[in-house]
Amino acid sequence: MKTLVLGASPKAERYSYQAVQRLTEYGHEVVPVGIRKNSFIEELPILIGQPHIENVHTITLYLNPQRQEAYYDYLLQLKPKRVIFNPGTENALFIKLLKENEVEVVIGCTLVMLSVEQF
């Protein structure tokens, strides 16, 4: 199951970094997308911009609602099955758009979901 982590950071103390690590440990194919050029999470390169990615099952958000707006069309075009809004990323407008496009919306924490085997 391919998971896109939007808002990926090369800083080990960030939750997005930890999510990429844990998803990888759990055997998920992970695509980190962020804003820092030439950055990595361990050996995985962090992609920048709005890269073309096929067969995305889940998008997990680590961007605040104001920064998400620039990605609405891009994320909808990826046709994910679900989008996870991690704490602090909740966005009523984007949630409405996702539901209108029949995308499952989860308000939760990727790290917790993994730890309790509900990812």
N, C-alpha and C. Protein backbone atom coordinates (compact mmCIF):
# COMPACT_ATOMS: atom_id res chain seq x y z
N MET A 1 0.84 -1.17 0.00
CA MET A 1 0.00 0.00 0.00
C MET A 1 0.90 1.24 0.00
N LYS A 2 0.77 2.07 -1.03
CA LYS A 2 1.61 3.26 -1.18
C LYS A 2 1.03 4.43 -0.39
N THR A 3 1.88 5.05 0.42
CA THR A 3 1.48 6.18 1.26
C THR A 3 2.33 7.39 0.94
N LEU A 4 1.68 8.51 0.65
CA LEU A 4 2.36 9.78 0.44
C LEU A 4 2.33 10.56 1.74
N VAL A 5 3.49 11.00 2.21
CA VAL A 5 3.58 11.81 3.41
C VAL A 5 3.83 13.24 2.96
N LEU A 6 2.80 14.09 3.06
CA LEU A 6 2.91 15.47 2.62
C LEU A 6 3.29 16.36 3.79
N GLY A 7 4.40 17.07 3.61
CA GLY A 7 4.95 17.88 4.69
C GLY A 7 6.13 17.18 5.33
N ALA A 8 6.75 16.26 4.58
CA ALA A 8 7.88 15.49 5.10
C ALA A 8 9.06 16.42 5.39
N SER A 9 9.69 16.19 6.52
CA SER A 9 10.83 17.00 6.96
C SER A 9 12.06 16.13 7.18
N PRO A 10 13.24 16.65 6.84
CA PRO A 10 14.47 15.90 7.10
C PRO A 10 14.92 15.99 8.56
N LYS A 11 14.16 16.69 9.40
CA LYS A 11 14.52 16.83 10.81
C LYS A 11 13.95 15.67 11.62
N ALA A 12 14.85 14.91 12.25
CA ALA A 12 14.46 13.67 12.95
C ALA A 12 13.45 13.89 14.07
N GLU A 13 13.39 15.09 14.63
CA GLU A 13 12.46 15.34 15.74
C GLU A 13 11.03 15.60 15.25
N ARG A 14 10.84 15.77 13.97
CA ARG A 14 9.51 16.06 13.42
C ARG A 14 8.68 14.78 13.29
N TYR A 15 7.38 14.91 13.51
CA TYR A 15 6.50 13.74 13.41
C TYR A 15 6.45 13.20 11.99
N SER A 16 6.55 14.07 10.99
CA SER A 16 6.52 13.58 9.61
C SER A 16 7.72 12.68 9.33
N TYR A 17 8.87 13.01 9.87
CA TYR A 17 10.07 12.18 9.72
C TYR A 17 9.83 10.81 10.37
N GLN A 18 9.31 10.86 11.60
CA GLN A 18 9.05 9.63 12.33
C GLN A 18 8.00 8.77 11.63
N ALA A 19 7.01 9.42 11.03
CA ALA A 19 5.97 8.67 10.30
C ALA A 19 6.58 7.93 9.11
N VAL A 20 7.46 8.60 8.37
CA VAL A 20 8.11 7.95 7.23
C VAL A 20 8.91 6.74 7.72
N GLN A 21 9.65 6.92 8.79
CA GLN A 21 10.43 5.81 9.36
C GLN A 21 9.53 4.63 9.74
N ARG A 22 8.48 4.91 10.50
CA ARG A 22 7.61 3.84 11.00
C ARG A 22 6.85 3.17 9.86
N LEU A 23 6.35 3.95 8.90
CA LEU A 23 5.65 3.35 7.76
C LEU A 23 6.58 2.39 7.02
N THR A 24 7.83 2.80 6.85
CA THR A 24 8.82 1.96 6.17
C THR A 24 9.06 0.69 6.97
N GLU A 25 9.22 0.84 8.29
CA GLU A 25 9.42 -0.31 9.17
C GLU A 25 8.27 -1.31 9.08
N TYR A 26 7.05 -0.79 8.90
CA TYR A 26 5.87 -1.64 8.82
C TYR A 26 5.65 -2.19 7.41
N GLY A 27 6.58 -1.91 6.50
CA GLY A 27 6.52 -2.50 5.17
C GLY A 27 5.71 -1.74 4.14
N HIS A 28 5.34 -0.51 4.44
CA HIS A 28 4.59 0.29 3.48
C HIS A 28 5.54 0.96 2.50
N GLU A 29 5.09 1.11 1.27
CA GLU A 29 5.84 1.89 0.29
C GLU A 29 5.53 3.36 0.60
N VAL A 30 6.57 4.15 0.87
CA VAL A 30 6.39 5.52 1.32
C VAL A 30 7.01 6.50 0.33
N VAL A 31 6.26 7.57 0.05
CA VAL A 31 6.75 8.64 -0.80
C VAL A 31 6.69 9.93 0.02
N PRO A 32 7.85 10.39 0.54
CA PRO A 32 7.85 11.65 1.28
C PRO A 32 7.90 12.84 0.32
N VAL A 33 7.03 13.82 0.56
CA VAL A 33 7.00 15.05 -0.24
C VAL A 33 7.11 16.22 0.72
N GLY A 34 8.08 17.10 0.44
CA GLY A 34 8.30 18.27 1.29
C GLY A 34 8.75 19.46 0.47
N ILE A 35 9.47 20.37 1.13
CA ILE A 35 9.88 21.59 0.44
C ILE A 35 11.39 21.80 0.41
N ARG A 36 12.14 20.97 1.11
CA ARG A 36 13.60 21.16 1.15
C ARG A 36 14.28 20.35 0.06
N LYS A 37 15.00 21.06 -0.81
CA LYS A 37 15.72 20.39 -1.89
C LYS A 37 16.86 19.55 -1.33
N ASN A 38 17.16 18.46 -2.02
CA ASN A 38 18.27 17.58 -1.66
C ASN A 38 18.19 17.08 -0.22
N SER A 39 16.99 16.75 0.23
CA SER A 39 16.80 16.26 1.59
C SER A 39 16.41 14.79 1.57
N PHE A 40 16.71 14.13 2.68
CA PHE A 40 16.42 12.71 2.81
C PHE A 40 15.86 12.41 4.18
N ILE A 41 15.09 11.32 4.26
CA ILE A 41 14.72 10.70 5.53
C ILE A 41 15.37 9.33 5.45
N GLU A 42 16.47 9.21 6.18
CA GLU A 42 17.36 8.05 6.05
C GLU A 42 17.75 7.96 4.58
N GLU A 43 17.48 6.85 3.88
CA GLU A 43 17.91 6.74 2.49
C GLU A 43 16.85 7.21 1.49
N LEU A 44 15.66 7.55 1.97
CA LEU A 44 14.58 7.96 1.08
C LEU A 44 14.69 9.45 0.73
N PRO A 45 14.73 9.78 -0.56
CA PRO A 45 14.75 11.20 -0.93
C PRO A 45 13.38 11.83 -0.69
N ILE A 46 13.39 13.07 -0.22
CA ILE A 46 12.15 13.83 -0.07
C ILE A 46 11.92 14.54 -1.40
N LEU A 47 10.80 14.21 -2.05
CA LEU A 47 10.46 14.85 -3.31
C LEU A 47 9.90 16.23 -3.04
N ILE A 48 10.07 17.15 -3.98
CA ILE A 48 9.56 18.50 -3.80
C ILE A 48 8.52 18.79 -4.88
N GLY A 49 7.74 19.83 -4.63
CA GLY A 49 6.72 20.23 -5.60
C GLY A 49 5.52 19.32 -5.55
N GLN A 50 5.01 19.01 -6.75
CA GLN A 50 3.84 18.15 -6.88
C GLN A 50 4.16 17.03 -7.86
N PRO A 51 5.00 16.09 -7.42
CA PRO A 51 5.45 15.03 -8.32
C PRO A 51 4.33 14.09 -8.74
N HIS A 52 4.44 13.58 -9.95
CA HIS A 52 3.47 12.59 -10.45
C HIS A 52 3.74 11.26 -9.75
N ILE A 53 2.74 10.77 -9.04
CA ILE A 53 2.86 9.51 -8.32
C ILE A 53 1.61 8.70 -8.62
N GLU A 54 1.80 7.46 -9.00
CA GLU A 54 0.66 6.60 -9.32
C GLU A 54 0.34 5.66 -8.18
N ASN A 55 -0.91 5.23 -8.15
CA ASN A 55 -1.38 4.22 -7.20
C ASN A 55 -1.20 4.60 -5.74
N VAL A 56 -1.50 5.85 -5.40
CA VAL A 56 -1.42 6.29 -4.01
C VAL A 56 -2.68 5.81 -3.29
N HIS A 57 -2.48 5.05 -2.25
CA HIS A 57 -3.61 4.59 -1.44
C HIS A 57 -3.96 5.61 -0.36
N THR A 58 -2.94 6.06 0.37
CA THR A 58 -3.16 6.93 1.52
C THR A 58 -2.26 8.15 1.43
N ILE A 59 -2.83 9.30 1.78
CA ILE A 59 -2.05 10.53 1.96
C ILE A 59 -2.17 10.89 3.42
N THR A 60 -1.03 11.08 4.08
CA THR A 60 -1.04 11.52 5.46
C THR A 60 -0.45 12.92 5.51
N LEU A 61 -1.21 13.84 6.10
CA LEU A 61 -0.87 15.26 6.05
C LEU A 61 -0.11 15.74 7.29
N TYR A 62 0.95 16.48 7.01
CA TYR A 62 1.72 17.16 8.05
C TYR A 62 1.92 18.62 7.67
N LEU A 63 0.89 19.19 7.02
CA LEU A 63 0.90 20.61 6.66
C LEU A 63 -0.28 21.29 7.34
N ASN A 64 -0.07 22.52 7.81
CA ASN A 64 -1.19 23.22 8.42
C ASN A 64 -2.22 23.57 7.34
N PRO A 65 -3.46 23.85 7.73
CA PRO A 65 -4.52 24.09 6.75
C PRO A 65 -4.21 25.19 5.73
N GLN A 66 -3.53 26.25 6.13
CA GLN A 66 -3.22 27.33 5.19
C GLN A 66 -2.30 26.84 4.07
N ARG A 67 -1.37 25.99 4.37
CA ARG A 67 -0.44 25.48 3.35
C ARG A 67 -1.06 24.38 2.49
N GLN A 68 -2.10 23.75 2.99
CA GLN A 68 -2.75 22.68 2.24
C GLN A 68 -3.44 23.19 0.98
N GLU A 69 -3.95 24.40 1.03
CA GLU A 69 -4.77 24.92 -0.07
C GLU A 69 -4.07 24.80 -1.43
N ALA A 70 -2.78 25.04 -1.47
CA ALA A 70 -2.03 24.96 -2.73
C ALA A 70 -1.98 23.53 -3.28
N TYR A 71 -2.33 22.55 -2.47
CA TYR A 71 -2.23 21.14 -2.87
C TYR A 71 -3.58 20.48 -3.14
N TYR A 72 -4.69 21.19 -2.94
CA TYR A 72 -6.01 20.56 -3.09
C TYR A 72 -6.14 19.82 -4.42
N ASP A 73 -5.97 20.53 -5.53
CA ASP A 73 -6.16 19.92 -6.85
C ASP A 73 -5.18 18.78 -7.08
N TYR A 74 -3.94 19.00 -6.68
CA TYR A 74 -2.90 17.98 -6.85
C TYR A 74 -3.28 16.69 -6.11
N LEU A 75 -3.68 16.82 -4.86
CA LEU A 75 -4.00 15.63 -4.06
C LEU A 75 -5.25 14.93 -4.58
N LEU A 76 -6.24 15.69 -4.99
CA LEU A 76 -7.44 15.08 -5.55
C LEU A 76 -7.12 14.33 -6.85
N GLN A 77 -6.23 14.89 -7.65
CA GLN A 77 -5.83 14.27 -8.92
C GLN A 77 -5.14 12.92 -8.69
N LEU A 78 -4.50 12.73 -7.54
CA LEU A 78 -3.84 11.46 -7.23
C LEU A 78 -4.84 10.34 -6.94
N LYS A 79 -6.09 10.73 -6.71
CA LYS A 79 -7.17 9.78 -6.44
C LYS A 79 -6.85 8.80 -5.29
N PRO A 80 -6.49 9.34 -4.13
CA PRO A 80 -6.22 8.45 -3.00
C PRO A 80 -7.50 7.80 -2.49
N LYS A 81 -7.33 6.69 -1.80
CA LYS A 81 -8.47 6.03 -1.16
C LYS A 81 -8.83 6.74 0.15
N ARG A 82 -7.78 7.27 0.83
CA ARG A 82 -8.03 7.97 2.09
C ARG A 82 -6.97 9.03 2.33
N VAL A 83 -7.36 10.00 3.17
CA VAL A 83 -6.45 11.06 3.61
C VAL A 83 -6.53 11.12 5.12
N ILE A 84 -5.36 11.11 5.76
CA ILE A 84 -5.29 11.19 7.22
C ILE A 84 -4.88 12.61 7.60
N PHE A 85 -5.70 13.25 8.42
CA PHE A 85 -5.40 14.57 8.96
C PHE A 85 -4.80 14.36 10.35
N ASN A 86 -3.48 14.52 10.44
CA ASN A 86 -2.79 14.39 11.72
C ASN A 86 -3.11 15.60 12.60
N PRO A 87 -2.87 15.51 13.91
CA PRO A 87 -3.20 16.63 14.80
C PRO A 87 -2.61 17.96 14.29
N GLY A 88 -3.47 18.98 14.25
CA GLY A 88 -3.06 20.30 13.80
C GLY A 88 -3.26 20.54 12.31
N THR A 89 -3.68 19.49 11.58
CA THR A 89 -3.86 19.64 10.13
C THR A 89 -5.33 19.64 9.73
N GLU A 90 -6.24 19.52 10.68
CA GLU A 90 -7.66 19.44 10.39
C GLU A 90 -8.09 20.67 9.58
N ASN A 91 -8.91 20.41 8.54
CA ASN A 91 -9.26 21.46 7.59
C ASN A 91 -10.66 21.16 7.03
N ALA A 92 -11.66 21.86 7.54
CA ALA A 92 -13.06 21.58 7.18
C ALA A 92 -13.30 21.70 5.67
N LEU A 93 -12.74 22.69 5.02
CA LEU A 93 -12.95 22.87 3.59
C LEU A 93 -12.38 21.70 2.78
N PHE A 94 -11.15 21.31 3.11
CA PHE A 94 -10.52 20.21 2.39
C PHE A 94 -11.23 18.89 2.69
N ILE A 95 -11.66 18.71 3.91
CA ILE A 95 -12.40 17.50 4.27
C ILE A 95 -13.67 17.41 3.43
N LYS A 96 -14.37 18.52 3.27
CA LYS A 96 -15.59 18.56 2.45
C LYS A 96 -15.27 18.18 1.01
N LEU A 97 -14.20 18.76 0.43
CA LEU A 97 -13.81 18.44 -0.94
C LEU A 97 -13.48 16.96 -1.11
N LEU A 98 -12.77 16.41 -0.14
CA LEU A 98 -12.41 15.00 -0.21
C LEU A 98 -13.65 14.11 -0.18
N LYS A 99 -14.56 14.41 0.73
CA LYS A 99 -15.77 13.60 0.84
C LYS A 99 -16.61 13.70 -0.43
N GLU A 100 -16.67 14.90 -1.03
CA GLU A 100 -17.40 15.08 -2.29
C GLU A 100 -16.79 14.23 -3.41
N ASN A 101 -15.50 13.92 -3.28
CA ASN A 101 -14.80 13.10 -4.27
C ASN A 101 -14.66 11.65 -3.81
N GLU A 102 -15.46 11.28 -2.81
CA GLU A 102 -15.53 9.91 -2.31
C GLU A 102 -14.20 9.37 -1.78
N VAL A 103 -13.46 10.26 -1.11
CA VAL A 103 -12.21 9.87 -0.47
C VAL A 103 -12.49 9.73 1.02
N GLU A 104 -12.05 8.62 1.60
CA GLU A 104 -12.21 8.41 3.04
C GLU A 104 -11.35 9.42 3.79
N VAL A 105 -11.94 10.05 4.80
CA VAL A 105 -11.23 11.02 5.62
C VAL A 105 -11.05 10.44 7.02
N VAL A 106 -9.83 10.52 7.52
CA VAL A 106 -9.53 10.04 8.87
C VAL A 106 -8.90 11.20 9.64
N ILE A 107 -9.50 11.52 10.78
CA ILE A 107 -8.91 12.50 11.69
C ILE A 107 -8.21 11.66 12.74
N GLY A 108 -6.89 11.66 12.70
CA GLY A 108 -6.16 10.78 13.61
C GLY A 108 -4.68 11.05 13.55
N CYS A 109 -3.92 10.15 14.08
CA CYS A 109 -2.47 10.27 14.12
C CYS A 109 -1.87 9.01 13.50
N THR A 110 -1.12 9.21 12.44
CA THR A 110 -0.51 8.09 11.74
C THR A 110 0.33 7.23 12.68
N LEU A 111 1.11 7.86 13.55
CA LEU A 111 1.98 7.11 14.46
C LEU A 111 1.16 6.25 15.42
N VAL A 112 0.08 6.80 15.95
CA VAL A 112 -0.78 6.04 16.85
C VAL A 112 -1.47 4.91 16.08
N MET A 113 -1.98 5.23 14.89
CA MET A 113 -2.66 4.21 14.08
C MET A 113 -1.74 3.03 13.81
N LEU A 114 -0.48 3.31 13.51
CA LEU A 114 0.48 2.23 13.28
C LEU A 114 0.70 1.41 14.55
N SER A 115 0.84 2.11 15.68
CA SER A 115 1.17 1.41 16.93
C SER A 115 0.05 0.51 17.42
N VAL A 116 -1.20 0.83 17.06
CA VAL A 116 -2.32 0.00 17.48
C VAL A 116 -2.86 -0.85 16.32
N GLU A 117 -2.06 -0.94 15.27
CA GLU A 117 -2.37 -1.78 14.10
C GLU A 117 -3.71 -1.43 13.45
N GLN A 118 -4.00 -0.11 13.35
CA GLN A 118 -5.22 0.34 12.68
C GLN A 118 -4.92 1.19 11.47
N PHE A 119 -3.71 1.06 10.96
CA PHE A 119 -3.35 1.82 9.77
C PHE A 119 -3.87 1.10 8.54
